[in-house]
Amino acid sequence: MKNGRGFTRTNLFNMIRFTEVFPEKEIVHALSGQLSWTHFREIIYLEDNLKRDFYAEMCRIERWSTRTLHAKIQGMLYERTVLSKKSEELITKELAALREEDRMTNRGVKG
């Protein structure tokens, strides 16, 4: 059965997974202007919410390419960061601070 261009079985499953892990419209809106669908496909199958947030924010702030994101995930950047010095609570606070800083400087807003 043909679903139309771009609507392959795999892509449909990716779209469903995307809506499961990013249910909040505000977050999707903020990230969609700065991350590509390829970035999201790298992130959506990460099981840990905080890990997904970490990589999404790092992509957004550091403007990582999809290739760089893939390398950072494979290199276990999140795990090394957590093990080296930061608790989950601290990472959550730092991500919130980065988002707030972006809102105050309007860096995250497209004109």
C-alpha atoms as a PDB file:
ATOM      1  CA  MET A   1       0.000   0.000   0.000  1.00  0.00           C
ATOM      2  CA  LYS A   2       1.357   3.409  -0.949  1.00  0.00           C
ATOM      3  CA  ASN A   3       0.842   6.186   1.562  1.00  0.00           C
ATOM      4  CA  GLY A   4       2.272   9.013  -0.493  1.00  0.00           C
ATOM      5  CA  ARG A   5       5.755  10.367  -0.887  1.00  0.00           C
ATOM      6  CA  GLY A   6       7.738  10.303   2.353  1.00  0.00           C
ATOM      7  CA  PHE A   7       5.115   8.283   4.183  1.00  0.00           C
ATOM      8  CA  THR A   8       6.917   4.973   4.226  1.00  0.00           C
ATOM      9  CA  ARG A   9       6.167   2.445   6.923  1.00  0.00           C
ATOM     10  CA  THR A  10       9.407   3.349   8.702  1.00  0.00           C
ATOM     11  CA  ASN A  11       8.709   7.080   8.516  1.00  0.00           C
ATOM     12  CA  LEU A  12       5.192   6.589   9.869  1.00  0.00           C
ATOM     13  CA  PHE A  13       6.601   4.686  12.851  1.00  0.00           C
ATOM     14  CA  ASN A  14       9.161   7.475  13.350  1.00  0.00           C
ATOM     15  CA  MET A  15       6.351  10.064  13.302  1.00  0.00           C
ATOM     16  CA  ILE A  16       4.357   8.129  15.887  1.00  0.00           C
ATOM     17  CA  ARG A  17       7.424   7.784  18.104  1.00  0.00           C
ATOM     18  CA  PHE A  18       8.113  11.512  17.713  1.00  0.00           C
ATOM     19  CA  THR A  19       4.656  12.415  19.034  1.00  0.00           C
ATOM     20  CA  GLU A  20       5.085   9.985  21.930  1.00  0.00           C
ATOM     21  CA  VAL A  21       8.373  11.465  23.126  1.00  0.00           C
ATOM     22  CA  PHE A  22       7.650  15.114  22.289  1.00  0.00           C
ATOM     23  CA  PRO A  23       3.973  15.590  23.244  1.00  0.00           C
ATOM     24  CA  GLU A  24       4.314  19.271  24.189  1.00  0.00           C
ATOM     25  CA  LYS A  25       3.648  21.632  21.280  1.00  0.00           C
ATOM     26  CA  GLU A  26       5.759  24.422  22.771  1.00  0.00           C
ATOM     27  CA  ILE A  27       8.887  22.265  22.927  1.00  0.00           C
ATOM     28  CA  VAL A  28       8.353  20.963  19.400  1.00  0.00           C
ATOM     29  CA  HIS A  29       7.819  24.488  18.113  1.00  0.00           C
ATOM     30  CA  ALA A  30      10.985  25.755  19.814  1.00  0.00           C
ATOM     31  CA  LEU A  31      13.126  22.879  18.556  1.00  0.00           C
ATOM     32  CA  SER A  32      11.674  22.471  15.072  1.00  0.00           C
ATOM     33  CA  GLY A  33      13.111  25.746  13.854  1.00  0.00           C
ATOM     34  CA  GLN A  34      16.606  24.665  14.794  1.00  0.00           C
ATOM     35  CA  LEU A  35      16.719  20.883  14.446  1.00  0.00           C
ATOM     36  CA  SER A  36      16.033  18.873  11.329  1.00  0.00           C
ATOM     37  CA  TRP A  37      13.912  15.752  11.032  1.00  0.00           C
ATOM     38  CA  THR A  38      17.202  13.833  10.795  1.00  0.00           C
ATOM     39  CA  HIS A  39      18.245  15.228  14.196  1.00  0.00           C
ATOM     40  CA  PHE A  40      14.932  14.154  15.670  1.00  0.00           C
ATOM     41  CA  ARG A  41      15.262  10.654  14.208  1.00  0.00           C
ATOM     42  CA  GLU A  42      18.590  10.306  16.034  1.00  0.00           C
ATOM     43  CA  ILE A  43      17.051  11.429  19.335  1.00  0.00           C
ATOM     44  CA  ILE A  44      13.561   9.891  19.432  1.00  0.00           C
ATOM     45  CA  TYR A  45      14.640   6.342  20.152  1.00  0.00           C
ATOM     46  CA  LEU A  46      16.754   7.282  23.173  1.00  0.00           C
ATOM     47  CA  GLU A  47      14.837   5.783  26.095  1.00  0.00           C
ATOM     48  CA  ASP A  48      15.735   8.290  28.804  1.00  0.00           C
ATOM     49  CA  ASN A  49      13.818  11.614  28.729  1.00  0.00           C
ATOM     50  CA  LEU A  50      16.686  13.558  30.285  1.00  0.00           C
ATOM     51  CA  LYS A  51      19.130  12.082  27.791  1.00  0.00           C
ATOM     52  CA  ARG A  52      16.853  13.125  24.907  1.00  0.00           C
ATOM     53  CA  ASP A  53      16.560  16.629  26.364  1.00  0.00           C
ATOM     54  CA  PHE A  54      20.320  16.834  26.838  1.00  0.00           C
ATOM     55  CA  TYR A  55      21.086  15.958  23.212  1.00  0.00           C
ATOM     56  CA  ALA A  56      18.289  18.143  21.815  1.00  0.00           C
ATOM     57  CA  GLU A  57      19.500  21.161  23.777  1.00  0.00           C
ATOM     58  CA  MET A  58      23.141  20.526  22.924  1.00  0.00           C
ATOM     59  CA  CYS A  59      22.225  20.321  19.221  1.00  0.00           C
ATOM     60  CA  ARG A  60      20.259  23.521  19.456  1.00  0.00           C
ATOM     61  CA  ILE A  61      22.830  25.510  21.396  1.00  0.00           C
ATOM     62  CA  GLU A  62      25.986  24.144  19.772  1.00  0.00           C
ATOM     63  CA  ARG A  63      24.354  23.884  16.318  1.00  0.00           C
ATOM     64  CA  TRP A  64      25.545  20.307  15.859  1.00  0.00           C
ATOM     65  CA  SER A  65      25.140  18.636  12.494  1.00  0.00           C
ATOM     66  CA  THR A  66      23.363  15.290  12.434  1.00  0.00           C
ATOM     67  CA  ARG A  67      26.722  13.605  11.938  1.00  0.00           C
ATOM     68  CA  THR A  68      28.125  15.325  15.047  1.00  0.00           C
ATOM     69  CA  LEU A  69      25.023  14.391  17.056  1.00  0.00           C
ATOM     70  CA  HIS A  70      25.367  10.755  16.006  1.00  0.00           C
ATOM     71  CA  ALA A  71      29.058  10.777  16.978  1.00  0.00           C
ATOM     72  CA  LYS A  72      28.285  12.333  20.381  1.00  0.00           C
ATOM     73  CA  ILE A  73      25.600   9.717  21.086  1.00  0.00           C
ATOM     74  CA  GLN A  74      27.895   6.886  19.985  1.00  0.00           C
ATOM     75  CA  GLY A  75      30.675   8.394  22.098  1.00  0.00           C
ATOM     76  CA  MET A  76      28.288   8.395  25.072  1.00  0.00           C
ATOM     77  CA  LEU A  77      28.727  12.104  25.835  1.00  0.00           C
ATOM     78  CA  TYR A  78      25.652  12.173  28.074  1.00  0.00           C
ATOM     79  CA  GLU A  79      26.782   9.181  30.130  1.00  0.00           C
ATOM     80  CA  ARG A  80      30.310  10.534  30.474  1.00  0.00           C
ATOM     81  CA  THR A  81      28.941  13.919  31.546  1.00  0.00           C
ATOM     82  CA  VAL A  82      26.652  12.359  34.138  1.00  0.00           C
ATOM     83  CA  LEU A  83      29.324  10.027  35.496  1.00  0.00           C
ATOM     84  CA  SER A  84      32.009  12.661  35.579  1.00  0.00           C
ATOM     85  CA  LYS A  85      30.382  15.406  37.565  1.00  0.00           C
ATOM     86  CA  LYS A  86      26.676  15.967  37.350  1.00  0.00           C
ATOM     87  CA  SER A  87      23.608  14.503  38.919  1.00  0.00           C
ATOM     88  CA  GLU A  88      20.344  14.262  36.963  1.00  0.00           C
ATOM     89  CA  GLU A  89      18.931  17.069  39.082  1.00  0.00           C
ATOM     90  CA  LEU A  90      21.852  19.328  38.205  1.00  0.00           C
ATOM     91  CA  ILE A  91      21.585  18.523  34.494  1.00  0.00           C
ATOM     92  CA  THR A  92      17.853  19.297  34.602  1.00  0.00           C
ATOM     93  CA  LYS A  93      18.550  22.656  36.269  1.00  0.00           C
ATOM     94  CA  GLU A  94      21.288  23.507  33.781  1.00  0.00           C
ATOM     95  CA  LEU A  95      19.064  22.684  30.800  1.00  0.00           C
ATOM     96  CA  ALA A  96      16.319  24.889  32.270  1.00  0.00           C
ATOM     97  CA  ALA A  97      18.842  27.691  32.778  1.00  0.00           C
ATOM     98  CA  LEU A  98      20.041  27.401  29.170  1.00  0.00           C
ATOM     99  CA  ARG A  99      16.454  27.593  27.917  1.00  0.00           C
ATOM    100  CA  GLU A 100      15.693  30.583  30.127  1.00  0.00           C
ATOM    101  CA  GLU A 101      18.863  32.361  29.029  1.00  0.00           C
ATOM    102  CA  ASP A 102      17.854  31.825  25.406  1.00  0.00           C
ATOM    103  CA  ARG A 103      14.405  33.294  26.071  1.00  0.00           C
ATOM    104  CA  MET A 104      15.895  36.361  27.720  1.00  0.00           C
ATOM    105  CA  THR A 105      18.361  37.024  24.890  1.00  0.00           C
ATOM    106  CA  ASN A 106      15.860  36.065  22.156  1.00  0.00           C
ATOM    107  CA  ARG A 107      18.486  33.829  20.547  1.00  0.00           C
ATOM    108  CA  GLY A 108      15.923  31.043  20.254  1.00  0.00           C
ATOM    109  CA  VAL A 109      13.347  33.214  18.499  1.00  0.00           C
ATOM    110  CA  LYS A 110      13.206  33.274  14.714  1.00  0.00           C
ATOM    111  CA  GLY A 111      12.470  36.633  13.217  1.00  0.00           C
END
